[in-house]
Amino acid sequence: MKILIIGNLGYIGPLVVRHFRKSNPAAYIAGFDAGHFSHLNTSPERGLDTYLDNQYYGDVRSFPYSILGEFDSVIYLAAVSNDPMGEAFDNATHQINSYSAIKIAKAAKDYGVKSFVFASSCSVYGAAEEGKRSESSALNPLTAYAVSKVSAEKSLLPLASDNYIITCLRFATACGFSPRLRLDLVLNDFVATALSKGKIEILSDGTPWRPLIHVKDMARAMFWASTRDKSKGGNFLIVNTGSDEWNYQIKDLAIGVKKVIKDVVIDINENAQPDKRSYMVDFSKFKELAPDYYPTVDLQKAVEDLFNGLKNSGFNDENFRDSDLIRFNVLRRHIKNGRMDNNLQWIS
């Protein structure tokens, strides 16, 4: 099997590459990445990219399509990956998250690739006050990031065929320690503030609902999606990817952190404006289709994973929200230092 992972040098990619290598040692695994965050390494593990057979560097907006002929499966992780960045770089968000994904998917089909996996998001549900959202629920994307995911899903649908299986994994919010850690994710932020300040600061009133999934379980889901038979969901599948046990209110995540890191104060902004992004998600379809790949990491294990990973990496920065552990900061520094333009393209 030959797999190309596009966007492999970010937060999720190292765990995906590692899981694919351990699950299929004989596979040929290559990565393609713009390298925006490739210099970041928050793990004591050295040579974290040695699981790859080849690494391509480039921008998905000028992708070298001819390399697709080498591969059986393509996984598309490349993205401008959170709401503040999506708002600041709206044009790049749609170009990278949607337009380029579609163009590469079309080219992959032409070159005979058999499987295309798109990393989508449960954020497409936006605000959903009544009950859990299933794959057939109405979509309500509230941000450029979520809109870009909806756009890509819709355009990928007509490309699928009996010889070209497309899977859109609507992931819950990611969490967990990674060799290229991000702390601009809710649980990761809570553990980092608990460790560095002895306090968890909840900027909302704590009531919004979020589903979460550990990055290790995201990697397992991508392996399943890249190898699934069309009898498991058809030649085009959109599936919520996460666990029903991982639908939490924000304040309950903080309480979960406190159970592991005992001497922590939880500070909730009771006067905050309601966060419109609140949704619970139904993951029963994923459990039915892929029972062996249903998430195994629970909240306590995820908190322990983050806590131990941060401690082992020597983390103790109260001002981490100004650091490169926040992806937005990295991009702004690239731009400020003249390495990148405002459309997130490298300046040669």
Protein backbone atom coordinates (compact mmCIF):
# COMPACT_ATOMS: atom_id res chain seq x y z
CA MET A 1 0.00 0.00 0.00
CA LYS A 2 1.23 3.50 -0.85
CA ILE A 3 -0.17 6.44 1.14
CA LEU A 4 0.27 10.19 0.71
CA ILE A 5 -0.57 12.32 3.76
CA ILE A 6 -1.07 15.96 2.78
CA GLY A 7 -0.50 18.28 5.73
CA ASN A 8 1.58 15.78 7.70
CA LEU A 9 3.82 18.28 9.53
CA GLY A 10 1.14 19.82 11.72
CA TYR A 11 -0.44 18.85 15.02
CA ILE A 12 -2.23 15.67 13.90
CA GLY A 13 0.08 14.48 11.13
CA PRO A 14 2.89 12.97 13.23
CA LEU A 15 0.42 10.72 15.06
CA VAL A 16 -1.19 9.69 11.75
CA VAL A 17 2.15 8.82 10.17
CA ARG A 18 3.26 6.87 13.24
CA HIS A 19 0.01 4.90 13.41
CA PHE A 20 0.09 4.03 9.71
CA ARG A 21 3.69 2.87 9.99
CA LYS A 22 3.02 0.68 13.01
CA SER A 23 -0.20 -0.71 11.52
CA ASN A 24 1.39 -1.49 8.17
CA PRO A 25 5.20 -1.66 8.43
CA ALA A 26 5.56 -2.58 4.75
CA ALA A 27 3.59 0.43 3.49
CA TYR A 28 5.18 3.24 1.50
CA ILE A 29 4.27 6.45 3.32
CA ALA A 30 4.99 9.94 2.03
CA GLY A 31 4.08 13.38 3.30
CA PHE A 32 3.38 16.69 1.56
CA ASP A 33 3.44 19.90 3.57
CA ALA A 34 4.10 23.63 3.24
CA GLY A 35 6.28 23.51 6.35
CA HIS A 36 4.60 26.36 8.24
CA PHE A 37 5.01 24.50 11.53
CA SER A 38 7.68 21.94 10.71
CA HIS A 39 10.23 23.63 12.99
CA LEU A 40 8.10 23.01 16.07
CA ASN A 41 8.94 19.98 18.18
CA THR A 42 7.45 19.60 21.64
CA SER A 43 8.48 15.99 22.13
CA PRO A 44 11.70 14.56 23.58
CA GLU A 45 11.43 12.00 20.78
CA ARG A 46 14.00 12.69 18.10
CA GLY A 47 13.60 11.90 14.43
CA LEU A 48 9.82 12.09 14.70
CA ASP A 49 9.48 12.16 10.91
CA THR A 50 11.62 9.07 10.29
CA TYR A 51 8.47 6.95 9.91
CA LEU A 52 8.14 8.46 6.43
CA ASP A 53 9.66 7.08 3.26
CA ASN A 54 9.57 10.46 1.52
CA GLN A 55 8.72 14.08 2.36
CA TYR A 56 7.56 16.52 -0.28
CA TYR A 57 7.46 20.25 0.47
CA GLY A 58 5.12 22.66 -1.24
CA ASP A 59 1.89 24.61 -1.18
CA VAL A 60 -1.33 22.70 -1.91
CA ARG A 61 -2.38 25.65 -4.08
CA SER A 62 0.41 24.78 -6.51
CA PHE A 63 0.41 21.04 -6.01
CA PRO A 64 2.58 18.78 -8.24
CA TYR A 65 -0.25 16.54 -9.38
CA SER A 66 1.98 14.08 -11.22
CA ILE A 67 3.22 12.59 -7.94
CA LEU A 68 -0.29 11.25 -7.30
CA GLY A 69 0.33 8.41 -9.72
CA GLU A 70 2.54 6.78 -7.08
CA PHE A 71 -0.22 6.32 -4.50
CA ASP A 72 -3.18 4.11 -3.66
CA SER A 73 -4.59 6.40 -0.97
CA VAL A 74 -4.49 10.14 -0.23
CA ILE A 75 -5.31 11.70 3.12
CA TYR A 76 -6.02 15.44 3.12
CA LEU A 77 -5.14 17.07 6.46
CA ALA A 78 -3.96 20.43 5.13
CA ALA A 79 -5.97 23.29 6.62
CA VAL A 80 -6.00 26.75 8.10
CA SER A 81 -7.13 25.12 11.24
CA ASN A 82 -9.03 27.31 13.67
CA ASP A 83 -11.55 30.13 13.83
CA PRO A 84 -9.26 33.12 14.58
CA MET A 85 -6.95 32.15 11.72
CA GLY A 86 -9.92 31.55 9.45
CA GLU A 87 -11.23 35.04 10.19
CA ALA A 88 -7.84 36.68 9.67
CA PHE A 89 -6.96 34.70 6.54
CA ASP A 90 -10.36 34.12 4.98
CA ASN A 91 -9.14 33.81 1.39
CA ALA A 92 -6.35 31.38 2.26
CA THR A 93 -8.74 29.35 4.40
CA HIS A 94 -11.05 28.66 1.47
CA GLN A 95 -8.17 28.12 -0.96
CA ILE A 96 -6.39 25.60 1.26
CA ASN A 97 -9.26 23.92 3.09
CA SER A 98 -11.65 23.59 0.17
CA TYR A 99 -10.57 24.57 -3.35
CA SER A 100 -7.20 22.81 -3.21
CA ALA A 101 -8.66 19.71 -1.57
CA ILE A 102 -11.19 19.41 -4.42
CA LYS A 103 -8.60 19.96 -7.17
CA ILE A 104 -6.27 17.39 -5.64
CA ALA A 105 -9.12 14.91 -5.19
CA LYS A 106 -10.08 15.29 -8.86
CA ALA A 107 -6.49 14.81 -9.98
CA ALA A 108 -6.08 11.81 -7.67
CA LYS A 109 -9.03 10.11 -9.34
CA ASP A 110 -7.56 10.80 -12.78
CA TYR A 111 -4.24 9.29 -11.68
CA GLY A 112 -5.90 6.10 -10.42
CA VAL A 113 -5.80 6.67 -6.67
CA LYS A 114 -8.33 4.35 -5.02
CA SER A 115 -9.11 6.15 -1.77
CA PHE A 116 -9.37 9.79 -0.72
CA VAL A 117 -9.84 10.74 2.95
CA PHE A 118 -10.84 14.29 3.85
CA ALA A 119 -10.46 15.58 7.41
CA SER A 120 -13.71 17.48 7.98
CA SER A 121 -15.15 18.77 11.24
CA CYS A 122 -18.21 18.63 13.48
CA SER A 123 -17.98 22.43 13.57
CA VAL A 124 -20.18 22.34 10.47
CA TYR A 125 -23.14 21.97 12.88
CA GLY A 126 -22.42 25.37 14.46
CA ALA A 127 -25.21 26.12 16.91
CA ALA A 128 -27.52 23.21 17.64
CA GLU A 129 -29.64 23.57 20.73
CA GLU A 130 -31.89 20.53 20.39
CA GLY A 131 -30.41 17.07 20.64
CA LYS A 132 -27.39 15.43 19.11
CA ARG A 133 -26.47 16.19 15.51
CA SER A 134 -26.37 13.25 13.12
CA GLU A 135 -24.95 13.21 9.61
CA SER A 136 -28.40 14.03 8.22
CA SER A 137 -28.92 17.04 10.52
CA ALA A 138 -29.06 20.55 9.12
CA LEU A 139 -25.71 22.30 8.87
CA ASN A 140 -25.10 25.72 10.39
CA PRO A 141 -21.46 26.70 9.81
CA LEU A 142 -20.66 29.88 11.74
CA THR A 143 -17.03 30.46 10.76
CA ALA A 144 -14.86 30.54 7.64
CA TYR A 145 -13.25 27.30 8.79
CA ALA A 146 -16.61 25.51 9.07
CA VAL A 147 -17.89 26.98 5.78
CA SER A 148 -14.77 25.72 4.01
CA LYS A 149 -15.37 22.19 5.29
CA VAL A 150 -18.99 22.19 4.10
CA SER A 151 -17.93 23.45 0.68
CA ALA A 152 -15.33 20.72 0.30
CA GLU A 153 -17.72 17.96 1.35
CA LYS A 154 -20.33 19.02 -1.20
CA SER A 155 -17.82 19.18 -4.04
CA LEU A 156 -16.24 15.82 -3.20
CA LEU A 157 -19.55 13.93 -3.45
CA PRO A 158 -19.80 13.73 -7.27
CA LEU A 159 -16.21 12.50 -7.57
CA ALA A 160 -16.81 9.20 -5.79
CA SER A 161 -17.22 5.99 -7.77
CA ASP A 162 -16.92 2.24 -7.30
CA ASN A 163 -13.21 2.60 -8.06
CA TYR A 164 -12.66 5.76 -6.02
CA ILE A 165 -13.84 5.66 -2.42
CA ILE A 166 -14.12 9.03 -0.67
CA THR A 167 -14.53 9.41 3.08
CA CYS A 168 -15.20 12.70 4.87
CA LEU A 169 -14.47 12.27 8.57
CA ARG A 170 -16.36 14.92 10.54
CA PHE A 171 -14.01 14.96 13.50
CA ALA A 172 -14.89 16.12 16.97
CA THR A 173 -12.57 18.77 18.44
CA ALA A 174 -9.04 17.41 18.63
CA CYS A 175 -7.11 17.09 21.87
CA GLY A 176 -4.08 15.31 23.26
CA PHE A 177 -0.32 15.54 23.22
CA SER A 178 1.53 15.56 19.92
CA PRO A 179 5.17 15.98 18.89
CA ARG A 180 3.96 19.22 17.25
CA LEU A 181 1.63 20.35 19.98
CA ARG A 182 -1.05 23.03 19.67
CA LEU A 183 -2.40 24.75 22.76
CA ASP A 184 -5.14 26.66 20.91
CA LEU A 185 -7.56 23.78 21.53
CA VAL A 186 -9.88 23.75 24.52
CA LEU A 187 -8.66 20.76 26.52
CA ASN A 188 -5.01 21.36 25.63
CA ASP A 189 -5.38 24.96 26.82
CA PHE A 190 -6.98 23.89 30.10
CA VAL A 191 -4.20 21.45 30.92
CA ALA A 192 -1.52 23.99 30.00
CA THR A 193 -3.04 26.71 32.22
CA ALA A 194 -3.54 24.23 35.05
CA LEU A 195 0.11 23.24 34.85
CA SER A 196 1.60 26.72 34.39
CA LYS A 197 -0.76 28.85 36.50
CA GLY A 198 -2.55 26.45 38.82
CA LYS A 199 -5.78 27.82 37.37
CA ILE A 200 -8.14 27.09 34.49
CA GLU A 201 -9.60 30.20 32.90
CA ILE A 202 -12.87 29.59 31.06
CA LEU A 203 -13.53 32.57 28.83
CA SER A 204 -17.16 31.59 28.19
CA ASP A 205 -19.83 30.84 30.78
CA GLY A 206 -18.85 27.17 30.57
CA THR A 207 -22.18 25.90 29.21
CA PRO A 208 -21.44 25.30 25.48
CA TRP A 209 -21.29 21.69 24.39
CA ARG A 210 -18.32 20.25 22.52
CA PRO A 211 -17.51 16.74 21.36
CA LEU A 212 -13.81 15.84 21.63
CA ILE A 213 -11.51 13.18 20.22
CA HIS A 214 -7.90 12.33 21.03
CA VAL A 215 -5.38 12.65 18.20
CA LYS A 216 -4.44 8.98 18.53
CA ASP A 217 -8.05 8.02 17.86
CA MET A 218 -8.15 10.42 14.90
CA ALA A 219 -5.17 8.56 13.44
CA ARG A 220 -6.93 5.21 13.91
CA ALA A 221 -10.04 6.55 12.16
CA MET A 222 -7.98 7.75 9.19
CA PHE A 223 -6.38 4.34 8.85
CA TRP A 224 -9.83 2.76 8.77
CA ALA A 225 -11.11 5.29 6.23
CA SER A 226 -8.14 4.78 3.91
CA THR A 227 -8.59 1.00 3.90
CA ARG A 228 -12.37 0.59 4.19
CA ASP A 229 -14.35 -1.37 1.66
CA LYS A 230 -17.31 0.31 -0.01
CA SER A 231 -19.54 -2.19 1.80
CA LYS A 232 -18.77 -0.13 4.90
CA GLY A 233 -20.54 3.10 4.01
CA GLY A 234 -20.60 3.15 0.22
CA ASN A 235 -18.28 4.84 -2.25
CA PHE A 236 -18.96 8.25 -0.66
CA LEU A 237 -19.27 8.55 3.10
CA ILE A 238 -19.68 11.43 5.52
CA VAL A 239 -19.43 10.20 9.08
CA ASN A 240 -19.23 11.92 12.46
CA THR A 241 -15.98 10.71 13.98
CA GLY A 242 -15.71 10.64 17.73
CA SER A 243 -17.37 9.07 20.74
CA ASP A 244 -20.81 9.56 22.27
CA GLU A 245 -19.09 9.45 25.68
CA TRP A 246 -17.04 12.51 24.72
CA ASN A 247 -19.87 15.07 24.45
CA TYR A 248 -19.00 17.52 27.23
CA GLN A 249 -19.90 20.99 28.38
CA ILE A 250 -16.83 23.20 28.58
CA LYS A 251 -17.06 23.48 32.38
CA ASP A 252 -17.11 19.66 32.65
CA LEU A 253 -13.82 19.48 30.75
CA ALA A 254 -12.30 21.76 33.37
CA ILE A 255 -13.65 19.54 36.13
CA GLY A 256 -12.10 16.55 34.34
CA VAL A 257 -8.73 18.29 34.38
CA LYS A 258 -9.07 19.06 38.08
CA LYS A 259 -9.61 15.37 38.84
CA VAL A 260 -6.13 14.67 37.49
CA ILE A 261 -4.34 17.90 38.50
CA LYS A 262 -5.76 18.28 41.98
CA ASP A 263 -4.68 21.74 43.19
CA VAL A 264 -6.30 23.71 40.39
CA VAL A 265 -8.72 26.63 40.65
CA ILE A 266 -11.45 26.82 37.99
CA ASP A 267 -12.31 30.40 37.00
CA ILE A 268 -15.51 30.70 34.92
CA ASN A 269 -16.51 33.98 33.31
CA GLU A 270 -20.14 33.96 34.44
CA ASN A 271 -20.80 37.29 32.68
CA ALA A 272 -19.55 36.18 29.27
CA GLN A 273 -21.77 36.43 26.23
CA PRO A 274 -23.14 33.03 25.22
CA ASP A 275 -20.90 31.14 22.79
CA LYS A 276 -22.99 30.36 19.72
CA ARG A 277 -20.80 27.38 18.86
CA SER A 278 -22.50 24.74 20.95
CA TYR A 279 -23.44 21.31 19.69
CA MET A 280 -23.71 17.69 20.75
CA VAL A 281 -23.00 15.03 18.16
CA ASP A 282 -24.28 11.52 17.48
CA PHE A 283 -21.42 9.14 16.68
CA SER A 284 -23.47 5.95 16.42
CA LYS A 285 -22.91 5.61 12.67
CA PHE A 286 -19.14 5.54 13.10
CA LYS A 287 -19.47 2.97 15.88
CA GLU A 288 -21.66 0.80 13.65
CA LEU A 289 -19.39 1.02 10.61
CA ALA A 290 -16.03 0.82 12.38
CA PRO A 291 -16.48 -0.78 15.81
CA ASP A 292 -12.82 -1.78 15.99
CA TYR A 293 -11.78 1.84 15.42
CA TYR A 294 -14.19 3.54 17.82
CA PRO A 295 -12.28 5.89 20.17
CA THR A 296 -10.52 4.25 23.09
CA VAL A 297 -8.93 7.26 24.84
CA ASP A 298 -11.20 8.74 27.52
CA LEU A 299 -11.05 12.16 29.19
CA GLN A 300 -8.87 11.08 32.09
CA LYS A 301 -6.35 9.37 29.81
CA ALA A 302 -6.29 12.42 27.53
CA VAL A 303 -5.60 14.78 30.45
CA GLU A 304 -2.88 12.49 31.79
CA ASP A 305 -1.35 12.28 28.30
CA LEU A 306 -1.24 16.07 28.01
CA PHE A 307 0.00 16.60 31.55
CA ASN A 308 2.83 14.08 31.22
CA GLY A 309 3.78 15.24 27.74
CA LEU A 310 3.97 18.88 28.79
CA LYS A 311 6.00 18.08 31.91
CA ASN A 312 8.41 15.85 29.99
CA SER A 313 8.93 18.60 27.41
CA GLY A 314 9.85 21.07 30.18
CA PHE A 315 6.77 23.24 29.69
CA ASN A 316 6.24 25.95 32.32
CA ASP A 317 5.15 29.06 30.45
CA GLU A 318 2.38 31.18 31.96
CA ASN A 319 2.39 33.28 28.79
CA PHE A 320 2.07 30.38 26.36
CA ARG A 321 -0.79 32.13 24.57
CA ASP A 322 1.87 34.50 23.21
CA SER A 323 4.13 31.61 22.17
CA ASP A 324 4.53 29.44 19.07
CA LEU A 325 2.33 26.82 20.72
CA ILE A 326 -0.53 28.97 19.38
CA ARG A 327 -0.65 28.47 15.61
CA PHE A 328 -1.92 31.98 14.87
CA ASN A 329 1.22 33.41 16.52
CA VAL A 330 3.46 31.33 14.26
CA LEU A 331 1.80 32.61 11.10
CA ARG A 332 1.89 36.21 12.28
CA ARG A 333 5.61 35.92 13.03
CA HIS A 334 6.29 34.45 9.61
CA ILE A 335 4.47 37.44 8.07
CA LYS A 336 6.11 40.01 10.36
CA ASN A 337 9.58 38.67 9.55
CA GLY A 338 8.95 38.77 5.80
CA ARG A 339 8.95 35.02 5.27
CA MET A 340 5.28 34.81 4.28
CA ASP A 341 2.69 37.06 2.68
CA ASN A 342 -0.82 37.80 3.95
CA ASN A 343 -2.22 34.96 1.84
CA LEU A 344 -0.02 32.49 3.76
CA GLN A 345 2.35 31.86 0.88
CA TRP A 346 6.11 31.69 1.37
CA ILE A 347 8.09 34.61 -0.02
CA SER A 348 11.02 33.22 -1.99
